[in-house]
Amino acid sequence: MAELPQLSFEPTTDKKDFVSALLLIANSIAQQRQTVNNTITLHPYFLAPLIALYSLIIKLNYKGRTGDVPTIGILLAGATIAILSIMSKYTAPYLNKAEKVGCDAGYKEMFEEGKKEVIVAKWGETVIGVAVLDVGDKEEAKVIAWTTMLRYRGKGVGRGVMETAVEVAKKRGCKKVVWSGENVHSFRCDDLPKVFNNRLDRGEEKAKKLLVELCKE
């Protein structure tokens, strides 16, 4: 019987790990778009006018005739496609950000510019979590990226990565570890009402609280 892969948390300087980590970071930024889209489609600010629009289309076009139903179906489908297209346009900056982070220039900025520490979680040889610290300031290390592969979230992987990151920062002489204002996961679409970013904001606040907790241990 084959042995199960081992879960490990460790700093790395391996370029293969860097590439895997960068892909993980870029994917997590792109996933933020889906999070925002889900928030929009389930929010009362979106649902109320959508229902009103659908009701208006039905009211104006249903006259009790047999041919009215297909016509209304086509109009509702057209309205839905138009609305989804508008949503796609307003949340596209998350994909643009992911592409920017995941390109060659993003690699250099993430891993080669300044002094960085990269900590990864590995399931066997697969990178499933990453934290990147900017340790250019001796007083404090700044978390500029921190994420976990989607299917491993909620299982302690992210916490394990950051616990290791805090230990690494302390060994380097940094007095504290803080969330960077330029953390790649702090990116938000400015054109969207703030209420639609609330889920992302709550997740970030949770991450910041965990970071503070770990630094006190």
N, C-alpha and C. Protein backbone atom coordinates (compact mmCIF):
# COMPACT_ATOMS: atom_id res chain seq x y z
N MET A 1 0.84 -1.20 0.00
CA MET A 1 0.00 0.00 0.00
C MET A 1 0.88 1.24 0.00
N ALA A 2 0.60 2.16 -0.92
CA ALA A 2 1.42 3.37 -1.03
C ALA A 2 1.22 4.28 0.18
N GLU A 3 2.32 4.89 0.62
CA GLU A 3 2.25 5.80 1.76
C GLU A 3 1.59 7.12 1.35
N LEU A 4 0.87 7.69 2.30
CA LEU A 4 0.26 9.00 2.04
C LEU A 4 1.34 10.07 2.00
N PRO A 5 1.16 11.09 1.16
CA PRO A 5 2.11 12.21 1.14
C PRO A 5 2.14 12.89 2.50
N GLN A 6 3.27 13.49 2.83
CA GLN A 6 3.43 14.19 4.09
C GLN A 6 3.16 15.69 3.90
N LEU A 7 2.49 16.29 4.89
CA LEU A 7 2.27 17.73 4.87
C LEU A 7 3.44 18.40 5.57
N SER A 8 4.05 19.37 4.90
CA SER A 8 5.20 20.05 5.48
C SER A 8 5.09 21.56 5.28
N PHE A 9 5.70 22.30 6.17
CA PHE A 9 5.76 23.76 6.09
C PHE A 9 7.22 24.16 6.18
N GLU A 10 7.69 24.90 5.18
CA GLU A 10 9.13 25.21 5.15
C GLU A 10 9.42 26.43 4.28
N PRO A 11 10.48 27.18 4.67
CA PRO A 11 10.93 28.25 3.77
C PRO A 11 11.61 27.62 2.56
N THR A 12 11.57 28.30 1.44
CA THR A 12 12.16 27.74 0.23
C THR A 12 12.85 28.81 -0.61
N THR A 13 13.86 28.36 -1.33
CA THR A 13 14.53 29.22 -2.32
C THR A 13 14.53 28.53 -3.68
N ASP A 14 13.78 27.44 -3.78
CA ASP A 14 13.71 26.65 -5.01
C ASP A 14 12.83 27.36 -6.03
N LYS A 15 13.37 27.59 -7.21
CA LYS A 15 12.61 28.31 -8.24
C LYS A 15 11.38 27.54 -8.69
N LYS A 16 11.44 26.22 -8.64
CA LYS A 16 10.25 25.43 -8.99
C LYS A 16 9.12 25.72 -8.00
N ASP A 17 9.49 25.83 -6.72
CA ASP A 17 8.49 26.18 -5.71
C ASP A 17 7.95 27.58 -5.94
N PHE A 18 8.84 28.49 -6.37
CA PHE A 18 8.43 29.87 -6.63
C PHE A 18 7.37 29.90 -7.74
N VAL A 19 7.61 29.14 -8.80
CA VAL A 19 6.67 29.12 -9.92
C VAL A 19 5.31 28.57 -9.47
N SER A 20 5.34 27.47 -8.71
CA SER A 20 4.10 26.88 -8.21
C SER A 20 3.38 27.84 -7.26
N ALA A 21 4.17 28.51 -6.42
CA ALA A 21 3.59 29.47 -5.47
C ALA A 21 2.96 30.65 -6.20
N LEU A 22 3.64 31.14 -7.23
CA LEU A 22 3.11 32.28 -7.98
C LEU A 22 1.80 31.91 -8.67
N LEU A 23 1.74 30.71 -9.23
CA LEU A 23 0.51 30.24 -9.87
C LEU A 23 -0.63 30.16 -8.85
N LEU A 24 -0.30 29.69 -7.66
CA LEU A 24 -1.29 29.59 -6.59
C LEU A 24 -1.81 30.97 -6.19
N ILE A 25 -0.90 31.94 -6.09
CA ILE A 25 -1.27 33.31 -5.72
C ILE A 25 -2.14 33.94 -6.81
N ALA A 26 -1.72 33.79 -8.07
CA ALA A 26 -2.48 34.36 -9.19
C ALA A 26 -3.89 33.74 -9.25
N ASN A 27 -3.98 32.42 -9.06
CA ASN A 27 -5.28 31.75 -9.10
C ASN A 27 -6.20 32.25 -7.99
N SER A 28 -5.61 32.49 -6.81
CA SER A 28 -6.44 32.93 -5.68
C SER A 28 -6.98 34.34 -5.91
N ILE A 29 -6.21 35.18 -6.62
CA ILE A 29 -6.70 36.52 -6.96
C ILE A 29 -7.85 36.41 -7.96
N ALA A 30 -7.69 35.53 -8.94
CA ALA A 30 -8.76 35.31 -9.92
C ALA A 30 -10.02 34.77 -9.24
N GLN A 31 -9.84 33.93 -8.21
CA GLN A 31 -10.98 33.38 -7.48
C GLN A 31 -11.74 34.46 -6.72
N GLN A 32 -11.07 35.55 -6.40
CA GLN A 32 -11.75 36.65 -5.72
C GLN A 32 -12.85 37.21 -6.61
N ARG A 33 -12.63 37.15 -7.92
CA ARG A 33 -13.67 37.63 -8.85
C ARG A 33 -14.94 36.83 -8.69
N GLN A 34 -14.80 35.50 -8.60
CA GLN A 34 -15.97 34.65 -8.44
C GLN A 34 -16.67 34.92 -7.11
N THR A 35 -15.87 35.19 -6.09
CA THR A 35 -16.44 35.53 -4.77
C THR A 35 -17.29 36.78 -4.87
N VAL A 36 -16.77 37.79 -5.56
CA VAL A 36 -17.52 39.04 -5.72
C VAL A 36 -18.77 38.82 -6.57
N ASN A 37 -18.63 38.05 -7.64
CA ASN A 37 -19.80 37.76 -8.49
C ASN A 37 -20.90 37.07 -7.69
N ASN A 38 -20.51 36.12 -6.85
CA ASN A 38 -21.50 35.42 -6.02
C ASN A 38 -22.16 36.38 -5.04
N THR A 39 -21.36 37.27 -4.47
CA THR A 39 -21.90 38.25 -3.53
C THR A 39 -22.92 39.15 -4.21
N ILE A 40 -22.59 39.59 -5.42
CA ILE A 40 -23.50 40.47 -6.16
C ILE A 40 -24.82 39.77 -6.46
N THR A 41 -24.74 38.56 -6.99
CA THR A 41 -25.95 37.87 -7.45
C THR A 41 -26.89 37.48 -6.30
N LEU A 42 -26.35 37.39 -5.08
CA LEU A 42 -27.19 37.01 -3.93
C LEU A 42 -27.56 38.20 -3.05
N HIS A 43 -27.11 39.39 -3.43
CA HIS A 43 -27.35 40.56 -2.58
C HIS A 43 -28.71 41.20 -2.90
N PRO A 44 -29.43 41.64 -1.88
CA PRO A 44 -30.74 42.28 -2.11
C PRO A 44 -30.67 43.49 -3.04
N TYR A 45 -29.55 44.23 -3.01
CA TYR A 45 -29.40 45.39 -3.88
C TYR A 45 -29.41 44.99 -5.35
N PHE A 46 -29.05 43.74 -5.61
CA PHE A 46 -29.06 43.23 -6.99
C PHE A 46 -30.36 42.49 -7.28
N LEU A 47 -30.78 41.68 -6.35
CA LEU A 47 -31.95 40.83 -6.58
C LEU A 47 -33.25 41.63 -6.73
N ALA A 48 -33.41 42.68 -5.92
CA ALA A 48 -34.66 43.45 -5.95
C ALA A 48 -34.90 44.08 -7.33
N PRO A 49 -33.94 44.84 -7.89
CA PRO A 49 -34.18 45.40 -9.22
C PRO A 49 -34.24 44.34 -10.31
N LEU A 50 -33.53 43.23 -10.11
CA LEU A 50 -33.58 42.16 -11.11
C LEU A 50 -34.98 41.55 -11.17
N ILE A 51 -35.56 41.28 -10.02
CA ILE A 51 -36.92 40.73 -9.98
C ILE A 51 -37.92 41.74 -10.57
N ALA A 52 -37.70 43.02 -10.25
CA ALA A 52 -38.58 44.06 -10.79
C ALA A 52 -38.49 44.11 -12.32
N LEU A 53 -37.27 43.98 -12.84
CA LEU A 53 -37.07 43.99 -14.29
C LEU A 53 -37.76 42.79 -14.94
N TYR A 54 -37.57 41.60 -14.37
CA TYR A 54 -38.19 40.41 -14.93
C TYR A 54 -39.73 40.52 -14.88
N SER A 55 -40.22 41.06 -13.78
CA SER A 55 -41.68 41.22 -13.64
C SER A 55 -42.22 42.18 -14.69
N LEU A 56 -41.47 43.25 -14.94
CA LEU A 56 -41.90 44.23 -15.93
C LEU A 56 -41.91 43.62 -17.33
N ILE A 57 -40.88 42.83 -17.64
CA ILE A 57 -40.82 42.18 -18.95
C ILE A 57 -42.03 41.26 -19.14
N ILE A 58 -42.35 40.50 -18.11
CA ILE A 58 -43.50 39.57 -18.19
C ILE A 58 -44.81 40.34 -18.33
N LYS A 59 -44.93 41.39 -17.52
CA LYS A 59 -46.18 42.17 -17.53
C LYS A 59 -46.43 42.82 -18.89
N LEU A 60 -45.38 43.35 -19.50
CA LEU A 60 -45.53 44.06 -20.76
C LEU A 60 -45.73 43.14 -21.96
N ASN A 61 -45.31 41.88 -21.82
CA ASN A 61 -45.31 41.02 -22.99
C ASN A 61 -46.28 39.83 -22.92
N TYR A 62 -46.83 39.58 -21.74
CA TYR A 62 -47.76 38.45 -21.66
C TYR A 62 -49.19 38.95 -21.84
N LYS A 63 -49.80 38.51 -22.92
CA LYS A 63 -51.19 38.91 -23.24
C LYS A 63 -52.14 37.70 -23.26
N GLY A 64 -51.68 36.60 -22.75
CA GLY A 64 -52.51 35.41 -22.72
C GLY A 64 -52.48 34.59 -23.98
N ARG A 65 -51.60 34.94 -24.89
CA ARG A 65 -51.51 34.21 -26.15
C ARG A 65 -50.45 33.11 -26.06
N THR A 66 -50.59 32.07 -26.85
CA THR A 66 -49.66 30.93 -26.82
C THR A 66 -48.23 31.37 -27.16
N GLY A 67 -48.09 32.26 -28.11
CA GLY A 67 -46.77 32.69 -28.54
C GLY A 67 -46.07 33.64 -27.58
N ASP A 68 -46.78 34.07 -26.54
CA ASP A 68 -46.17 35.02 -25.60
C ASP A 68 -45.05 34.38 -24.76
N VAL A 69 -45.24 33.11 -24.42
CA VAL A 69 -44.28 32.44 -23.53
C VAL A 69 -42.88 32.35 -24.15
N PRO A 70 -42.75 31.87 -25.41
CA PRO A 70 -41.41 31.84 -26.01
C PRO A 70 -40.80 33.25 -26.13
N THR A 71 -41.63 34.22 -26.44
CA THR A 71 -41.14 35.59 -26.57
C THR A 71 -40.58 36.09 -25.23
N ILE A 72 -41.34 35.85 -24.18
CA ILE A 72 -40.90 36.28 -22.85
C ILE A 72 -39.62 35.55 -22.45
N GLY A 73 -39.55 34.25 -22.79
CA GLY A 73 -38.33 33.48 -22.47
C GLY A 73 -37.10 34.06 -23.14
N ILE A 74 -37.27 34.46 -24.41
CA ILE A 74 -36.16 35.06 -25.16
C ILE A 74 -35.75 36.40 -24.54
N LEU A 75 -36.74 37.21 -24.19
CA LEU A 75 -36.45 38.52 -23.59
C LEU A 75 -35.76 38.38 -22.23
N LEU A 76 -36.24 37.43 -21.42
CA LEU A 76 -35.62 37.20 -20.11
C LEU A 76 -34.18 36.70 -20.27
N ALA A 77 -33.98 35.82 -21.25
CA ALA A 77 -32.62 35.31 -21.49
C ALA A 77 -31.70 36.44 -21.95
N GLY A 78 -32.23 37.29 -22.84
CA GLY A 78 -31.43 38.43 -23.31
C GLY A 78 -31.07 39.39 -22.19
N ALA A 79 -32.04 39.66 -21.32
CA ALA A 79 -31.78 40.55 -20.18
C ALA A 79 -30.74 39.94 -19.25
N THR A 80 -30.83 38.63 -19.03
CA THR A 80 -29.88 37.94 -18.15
C THR A 80 -28.47 38.01 -18.73
N ILE A 81 -28.35 37.75 -20.02
CA ILE A 81 -27.03 37.80 -20.67
C ILE A 81 -26.44 39.20 -20.58
N ALA A 82 -27.27 40.22 -20.79
CA ALA A 82 -26.80 41.60 -20.72
C ALA A 82 -26.31 41.94 -19.30
N ILE A 83 -27.05 41.50 -18.31
CA ILE A 83 -26.68 41.77 -16.91
C ILE A 83 -25.38 41.06 -16.55
N LEU A 84 -25.25 39.80 -16.97
CA LEU A 84 -24.02 39.04 -16.69
C LEU A 84 -22.82 39.66 -17.39
N SER A 85 -23.04 40.20 -18.57
CA SER A 85 -21.96 40.87 -19.30
C SER A 85 -21.48 42.12 -18.56
N ILE A 86 -22.43 42.86 -18.02
CA ILE A 86 -22.09 44.06 -17.24
C ILE A 86 -21.31 43.67 -15.98
N MET A 87 -21.77 42.60 -15.29
CA MET A 87 -21.06 42.12 -14.11
C MET A 87 -19.64 41.71 -14.47
N SER A 88 -19.52 41.01 -15.58
CA SER A 88 -18.20 40.55 -16.03
C SER A 88 -17.25 41.72 -16.27
N LYS A 89 -17.79 42.78 -16.84
CA LYS A 89 -16.97 43.97 -17.12
C LYS A 89 -16.47 44.61 -15.83
N TYR A 90 -17.36 44.71 -14.83
CA TYR A 90 -17.01 45.40 -13.59
C TYR A 90 -16.13 44.57 -12.66
N THR A 91 -16.12 43.25 -12.84
CA THR A 91 -15.26 42.41 -12.00
C THR A 91 -14.02 41.92 -12.74
N ALA A 92 -13.88 42.31 -14.01
CA ALA A 92 -12.72 41.91 -14.81
C ALA A 92 -11.38 42.35 -14.22
N PRO A 93 -11.31 43.48 -13.48
CA PRO A 93 -10.01 43.88 -12.91
C PRO A 93 -9.35 42.81 -12.04
N TYR A 94 -10.14 41.90 -11.45
CA TYR A 94 -9.53 40.83 -10.68
C TYR A 94 -8.73 39.88 -11.58
N LEU A 95 -9.27 39.60 -12.77
CA LEU A 95 -8.52 38.78 -13.72
C LEU A 95 -7.29 39.51 -14.22
N ASN A 96 -7.43 40.81 -14.46
CA ASN A 96 -6.29 41.61 -14.92
C ASN A 96 -5.18 41.61 -13.87
N LYS A 97 -5.57 41.73 -12.61
CA LYS A 97 -4.60 41.71 -11.51
C LYS A 97 -3.92 40.35 -11.43
N ALA A 98 -4.69 39.29 -11.58
CA ALA A 98 -4.13 37.93 -11.53
C ALA A 98 -3.12 37.73 -12.65
N GLU A 99 -3.44 38.21 -13.84
CA GLU A 99 -2.52 38.08 -14.97
C GLU A 99 -1.24 38.88 -14.73
N LYS A 100 -1.38 40.05 -14.13
CA LYS A 100 -0.22 40.89 -13.85
C LYS A 100 0.70 40.23 -12.83
N VAL A 101 0.10 39.64 -11.80
CA VAL A 101 0.90 38.97 -10.77
C VAL A 101 1.55 37.71 -11.33
N GLY A 102 0.84 37.01 -12.21
CA GLY A 102 1.32 35.72 -12.69
C GLY A 102 2.30 35.77 -13.86
N CYS A 103 2.63 36.94 -14.35
CA CYS A 103 3.55 37.05 -15.49
C CYS A 103 5.01 37.13 -15.01
N ASP A 104 5.95 37.24 -15.97
CA ASP A 104 7.37 37.30 -15.63
C ASP A 104 7.70 38.50 -14.74
N ALA A 105 7.09 39.64 -15.06
CA ALA A 105 7.33 40.84 -14.25
C ALA A 105 6.81 40.64 -12.84
N GLY A 106 5.67 39.95 -12.72
CA GLY A 106 5.11 39.65 -11.41
C GLY A 106 6.00 38.72 -10.62
N TYR A 107 6.62 37.77 -11.30
CA TYR A 107 7.56 36.85 -10.66
C TYR A 107 8.74 37.62 -10.07
N LYS A 108 9.30 38.51 -10.87
CA LYS A 108 10.45 39.29 -10.40
C LYS A 108 10.09 40.17 -9.21
N GLU A 109 8.92 40.80 -9.29
CA GLU A 109 8.48 41.67 -8.20
C GLU A 109 8.20 40.88 -6.93
N MET A 110 7.62 39.69 -7.09
CA MET A 110 7.23 38.89 -5.93
C MET A 110 8.43 38.24 -5.25
N PHE A 111 9.39 37.75 -6.05
CA PHE A 111 10.45 36.93 -5.47
C PHE A 111 11.88 37.49 -5.58
N GLU A 112 12.11 38.39 -6.51
CA GLU A 112 13.49 38.80 -6.77
C GLU A 112 13.80 40.23 -6.34
N GLU A 113 12.79 41.09 -6.28
CA GLU A 113 13.03 42.48 -5.90
C GLU A 113 13.00 42.62 -4.38
N GLY A 114 14.04 43.27 -3.82
CA GLY A 114 14.09 43.44 -2.37
C GLY A 114 14.45 42.15 -1.67
N LYS A 115 14.25 42.13 -0.36
CA LYS A 115 14.55 40.95 0.45
C LYS A 115 13.24 40.24 0.78
N LYS A 116 13.14 39.00 0.35
CA LYS A 116 11.91 38.24 0.53
C LYS A 116 12.19 36.90 1.22
N GLU A 117 11.20 36.45 1.97
CA GLU A 117 11.19 35.09 2.50
C GLU A 117 9.92 34.43 1.98
N VAL A 118 10.08 33.25 1.40
CA VAL A 118 8.94 32.52 0.84
C VAL A 118 8.76 31.23 1.64
N ILE A 119 7.59 31.08 2.20
CA ILE A 119 7.28 29.88 2.99
C ILE A 119 6.16 29.14 2.28
N VAL A 120 6.33 27.84 2.11
CA VAL A 120 5.33 27.05 1.39
C VAL A 120 4.83 25.90 2.25
N ALA A 121 3.60 25.52 2.00
CA ALA A 121 3.05 24.28 2.54
C ALA A 121 3.04 23.29 1.38
N LYS A 122 3.54 22.08 1.65
CA LYS A 122 3.59 21.06 0.61
C LYS A 122 2.86 19.80 1.05
N TRP A 123 2.05 19.28 0.16
CA TRP A 123 1.44 17.98 0.34
C TRP A 123 2.21 17.03 -0.57
N GLY A 124 3.19 16.35 0.01
CA GLY A 124 4.15 15.62 -0.80
C GLY A 124 5.06 16.63 -1.48
N GLU A 125 5.02 16.66 -2.80
CA GLU A 125 5.82 17.62 -3.56
C GLU A 125 4.98 18.75 -4.14
N THR A 126 3.69 18.76 -3.83
CA THR A 126 2.79 19.77 -4.38
C THR A 126 2.65 20.95 -3.44
N VAL A 127 2.87 22.15 -3.96
CA VAL A 127 2.71 23.36 -3.16
C VAL A 127 1.22 23.66 -3.03
N ILE A 128 0.71 23.65 -1.79
CA ILE A 128 -0.71 23.88 -1.58
C ILE A 128 -0.99 25.14 -0.75
N GLY A 129 0.07 25.79 -0.30
CA GLY A 129 -0.09 27.03 0.46
C GLY A 129 1.20 27.83 0.39
N VAL A 130 1.07 29.15 0.52
CA VAL A 130 2.26 30.00 0.43
C VAL A 130 2.06 31.29 1.21
N ALA A 131 3.14 31.77 1.76
CA ALA A 131 3.18 33.12 2.33
C ALA A 131 4.48 33.75 1.87
N VAL A 132 4.40 35.01 1.46
CA VAL A 132 5.59 35.75 1.03
C VAL A 132 5.77 36.95 1.94
N LEU A 133 6.95 37.05 2.52
CA LEU A 133 7.25 38.15 3.44
C LEU A 133 8.28 39.08 2.82
N ASP A 134 8.05 40.37 2.97
CA ASP A 134 9.06 41.38 2.64
C ASP A 134 9.81 41.65 3.94
N VAL A 135 11.09 41.28 3.98
CA VAL A 135 11.88 41.42 5.20
C VAL A 135 12.97 42.48 5.04
N GLY A 136 12.71 43.43 4.17
CA GLY A 136 13.68 44.50 3.95
C GLY A 136 13.82 45.42 5.15
N ASP A 137 12.78 45.52 5.95
CA ASP A 137 12.80 46.33 7.16
C ASP A 137 13.13 45.42 8.34
N LYS A 138 14.21 45.73 9.06
CA LYS A 138 14.63 44.89 10.17
C LYS A 138 13.63 44.91 11.32
N GLU A 139 12.85 45.99 11.42
CA GLU A 139 11.90 46.12 12.52
C GLU A 139 10.68 45.23 12.32
N GLU A 140 10.22 45.14 11.08
CA GLU A 140 9.00 44.36 10.84
C GLU A 140 9.01 43.69 9.47
N ALA A 141 8.48 42.48 9.44
CA ALA A 141 8.29 41.77 8.18
C ALA A 141 6.87 42.04 7.70
N LYS A 142 6.70 42.22 6.40
CA LYS A 142 5.39 42.53 5.85
C LYS A 142 4.89 41.38 4.99
N VAL A 143 3.66 40.97 5.27
CA VAL A 143 3.04 39.89 4.48
C VAL A 143 2.50 40.49 3.19
N ILE A 144 3.10 40.12 2.07
CA ILE A 144 2.65 40.67 0.79
C ILE A 144 1.80 39.67 -0.01
N ALA A 145 1.78 38.42 0.45
CA ALA A 145 0.91 37.40 -0.17
C ALA A 145 0.76 36.25 0.81
N TRP A 146 -0.45 35.70 0.85
CA TRP A 146 -0.72 34.58 1.77
C TRP A 146 -1.99 33.89 1.29
N THR A 147 -1.86 32.67 0.84
CA THR A 147 -3.05 31.97 0.33
C THR A 147 -2.86 30.46 0.41
N THR A 148 -3.97 29.77 0.25
CA THR A 148 -4.00 28.30 0.26
C THR A 148 -4.80 27.83 -0.94
N MET A 149 -4.38 26.71 -1.50
CA MET A 149 -5.14 26.11 -2.60
C MET A 149 -6.59 25.90 -2.16
N LEU A 150 -7.53 26.17 -3.05
CA LEU A 150 -8.94 26.23 -2.71
C LEU A 150 -9.43 24.99 -1.95
N ARG A 151 -9.10 23.80 -2.43
CA ARG A 151 -9.66 22.60 -1.81
C ARG A 151 -9.03 22.25 -0.46
N TYR A 152 -7.96 22.96 -0.09
CA TYR A 152 -7.33 22.71 1.21
C TYR A 152 -7.64 23.80 2.23
N ARG A 153 -8.49 24.74 1.88
CA ARG A 153 -8.83 25.81 2.81
C ARG A 153 -9.72 25.30 3.94
N GLY A 154 -9.58 25.94 5.09
CA GLY A 154 -10.38 25.54 6.24
C GLY A 154 -9.85 24.30 6.94
N LYS A 155 -8.62 23.88 6.62
CA LYS A 155 -8.05 22.67 7.21
C LYS A 155 -6.75 22.95 7.98
N GLY A 156 -6.49 24.23 8.23
CA GLY A 156 -5.31 24.59 9.02
C GLY A 156 -4.04 24.80 8.23
N VAL A 157 -4.12 24.67 6.91
CA VAL A 157 -2.92 24.83 6.09
C VAL A 157 -2.43 26.28 6.12
N GLY A 158 -3.36 27.23 5.94
CA GLY A 158 -2.98 28.64 5.96
C GLY A 158 -2.37 29.05 7.29
N ARG A 159 -2.94 28.56 8.37
CA ARG A 159 -2.41 28.86 9.70
C ARG A 159 -0.99 28.29 9.85
N GLY A 160 -0.82 27.05 9.39
CA GLY A 160 0.50 26.43 9.47
C GLY A 160 1.56 27.19 8.71
N VAL A 161 1.19 27.67 7.51
CA VAL A 161 2.12 28.46 6.71
C VAL A 161 2.53 29.73 7.45
N MET A 162 1.54 30.42 8.02
CA MET A 162 1.84 31.68 8.68
C MET A 162 2.58 31.48 9.99
N GLU A 163 2.30 30.41 10.70
CA GLU A 163 3.07 30.10 11.91
C GLU A 163 4.55 29.95 11.57
N THR A 164 4.81 29.23 10.49
CA THR A 164 6.20 29.05 10.04
C THR A 164 6.79 30.38 9.59
N ALA A 165 5.99 31.19 8.90
CA ALA A 165 6.47 32.50 8.43
C ALA A 165 6.85 33.40 9.60
N VAL A 166 6.04 33.39 10.65
CA VAL A 166 6.34 34.20 11.84
C VAL A 166 7.64 33.73 12.49
N GLU A 167 7.83 32.41 12.56
CA GLU A 167 9.06 31.87 13.13
C GLU A 167 10.28 32.29 12.31
N VAL A 168 10.15 32.22 10.99
CA VAL A 168 11.25 32.61 10.10
C VAL A 168 11.58 34.09 10.28
N ALA A 169 10.55 34.93 10.37
CA ALA A 169 10.76 36.37 10.54
C ALA A 169 11.47 36.66 11.86
N LYS A 170 11.07 35.97 12.92
CA LYS A 170 11.71 36.19 14.23
C LYS A 170 13.17 35.77 14.21
N LYS A 171 13.47 34.68 13.52
CA LYS A 171 14.85 34.21 13.41
C LYS A 171 15.72 35.23 12.66
N ARG A 172 15.10 35.98 11.76
CA ARG A 172 15.82 37.02 11.02
C ARG A 172 15.98 38.29 11.85
N GLY A 173 15.38 38.32 13.02
CA GLY A 173 15.50 39.48 13.90
C GLY A 173 14.38 40.48 13.78
N CYS A 174 13.35 40.16 12.97
CA CYS A 174 12.21 41.08 12.85
C CYS A 174 11.40 41.05 14.15
N LYS A 175 11.04 42.22 14.66
CA LYS A 175 10.33 42.30 15.92
C LYS A 175 8.85 41.98 15.78
N LYS A 176 8.30 42.18 14.59
CA LYS A 176 6.89 41.87 14.38
C LYS A 176 6.62 41.56 12.92
N VAL A 177 5.48 40.95 12.68
CA VAL A 177 5.03 40.63 11.32
C VAL A 177 3.69 41.31 11.11
N VAL A 178 3.56 42.10 10.05
CA VAL A 178 2.34 42.86 9.81
C VAL A 178 1.81 42.58 8.41
N TRP A 179 0.55 42.89 8.24
CA TRP A 179 -0.11 42.77 6.93
C TRP A 179 0.26 43.98 6.10
N SER A 180 0.85 43.78 4.96
CA SER A 180 1.25 44.89 4.11
C SER A 180 0.05 45.55 3.46
N GLY A 181 0.09 46.88 3.39
CA GLY A 181 -0.98 47.60 2.69
C GLY A 181 -0.97 47.31 1.21
N GLU A 182 0.14 46.73 0.72
CA GLU A 182 0.26 46.37 -0.70
C GLU A 182 0.12 44.86 -0.91
N ASN A 183 -0.46 44.17 0.06
CA ASN A 183 -0.70 42.74 -0.11
C ASN A 183 -1.54 42.52 -1.37
N VAL A 184 -1.14 41.57 -2.19
CA VAL A 184 -1.83 41.38 -3.47
C VAL A 184 -3.29 40.99 -3.30
N HIS A 185 -3.64 40.41 -2.14
CA HIS A 185 -5.03 40.02 -1.92
C HIS A 185 -5.87 41.15 -1.33
N SER A 186 -5.25 42.31 -1.14
CA SER A 186 -5.99 43.48 -0.68
C SER A 186 -6.57 44.26 -1.86
N PHE A 187 -6.28 43.80 -3.07
CA PHE A 187 -6.79 44.48 -4.27
C PHE A 187 -8.31 44.43 -4.31
N ARG A 188 -8.92 45.55 -4.67
CA ARG A 188 -10.37 45.65 -4.81
C ARG A 188 -10.73 46.42 -6.08
N CYS A 189 -11.88 46.11 -6.66
CA CYS A 189 -12.38 46.84 -7.83
C CYS A 189 -13.00 48.15 -7.34
N ASP A 190 -12.40 49.27 -7.69
CA ASP A 190 -12.87 50.57 -7.22
C ASP A 190 -14.23 50.94 -7.81
N ASP A 191 -14.57 50.38 -8.98
CA ASP A 191 -15.82 50.76 -9.64
C ASP A 191 -17.04 50.09 -9.02
N LEU A 192 -16.81 49.11 -8.15
CA LEU A 192 -17.93 48.42 -7.52
C LEU A 192 -18.30 49.08 -6.19
N PRO A 193 -19.59 49.13 -5.85
CA PRO A 193 -19.98 49.61 -4.52
C PRO A 193 -19.28 48.77 -3.45
N LYS A 194 -18.87 49.42 -2.40
CA LYS A 194 -18.09 48.75 -1.35
C LYS A 194 -18.82 47.55 -0.77
N VAL A 195 -20.14 47.61 -0.73
CA VAL A 195 -20.92 46.54 -0.13
C VAL A 195 -20.67 45.20 -0.81
N PHE A 196 -20.35 45.22 -2.09
CA PHE A 196 -20.12 43.97 -2.82
C PHE A 196 -18.74 43.38 -2.53
N ASN A 197 -17.87 44.15 -1.88
CA ASN A 197 -16.55 43.64 -1.50
C ASN A 197 -16.51 43.20 -0.04
N ASN A 198 -17.66 43.25 0.63
CA ASN A 198 -17.68 42.97 2.06
C ASN A 198 -17.16 41.58 2.41
N ARG A 199 -17.48 40.60 1.58
CA ARG A 199 -17.04 39.24 1.87
C ARG A 199 -15.52 39.14 1.82
N LEU A 200 -14.91 39.79 0.84
CA LEU A 200 -13.45 39.81 0.76
C LEU A 200 -12.86 40.57 1.94
N ASP A 201 -13.49 41.68 2.31
CA ASP A 201 -13.00 42.48 3.43
C ASP A 201 -13.05 41.70 4.73
N ARG A 202 -14.12 40.93 4.91
CA ARG A 202 -14.23 40.11 6.13
C ARG A 202 -13.15 39.04 6.18
N GLY A 203 -12.88 38.45 5.03
CA GLY A 203 -11.82 37.44 4.96
C GLY A 203 -10.46 38.02 5.28
N GLU A 204 -10.22 39.25 4.79
CA GLU A 204 -8.94 39.90 5.06
C GLU A 204 -8.81 40.25 6.54
N GLU A 205 -9.88 40.74 7.14
CA GLU A 205 -9.85 41.08 8.56
C GLU A 205 -9.59 39.82 9.41
N LYS A 206 -10.18 38.72 9.00
CA LYS A 206 -9.95 37.44 9.70
C LYS A 206 -8.48 37.05 9.61
N ALA A 207 -7.89 37.24 8.43
CA ALA A 207 -6.48 36.91 8.24
C ALA A 207 -5.59 37.80 9.09
N LYS A 208 -5.92 39.08 9.17
CA LYS A 208 -5.15 40.01 9.98
C LYS A 208 -5.21 39.65 11.46
N LYS A 209 -6.39 39.26 11.93
CA LYS A 209 -6.56 38.88 13.34
C LYS A 209 -5.75 37.63 13.65
N LEU A 210 -5.75 36.68 12.71
CA LEU A 210 -4.96 35.46 12.91
C LEU A 210 -3.48 35.80 12.98
N LEU A 211 -3.05 36.71 12.13
CA LEU A 211 -1.64 37.12 12.12
C LEU A 211 -1.25 37.76 13.46
N VAL A 212 -2.11 38.62 13.98
CA VAL A 212 -1.85 39.24 15.28
C VAL A 212 -1.78 38.18 16.37
N GLU A 213 -2.70 37.22 16.30
CA GLU A 213 -2.74 36.13 17.29
C GLU A 213 -1.44 35.33 17.27
N LEU A 214 -0.98 35.00 16.08
CA LEU A 214 0.22 34.18 15.95
C LEU A 214 1.47 34.92 16.42
N CYS A 215 1.48 36.24 16.21
CA CYS A 215 2.65 37.03 16.63
C CYS A 215 2.75 37.12 18.15
N LYS A 216 1.62 36.93 18.84
CA LYS A 216 1.62 37.00 20.30
C LYS A 216 2.07 35.70 20.95
N GLU A 217 2.01 34.62 20.18
CA GLU A 217 2.35 33.31 20.75
C GLU A 217 3.86 33.17 21.00
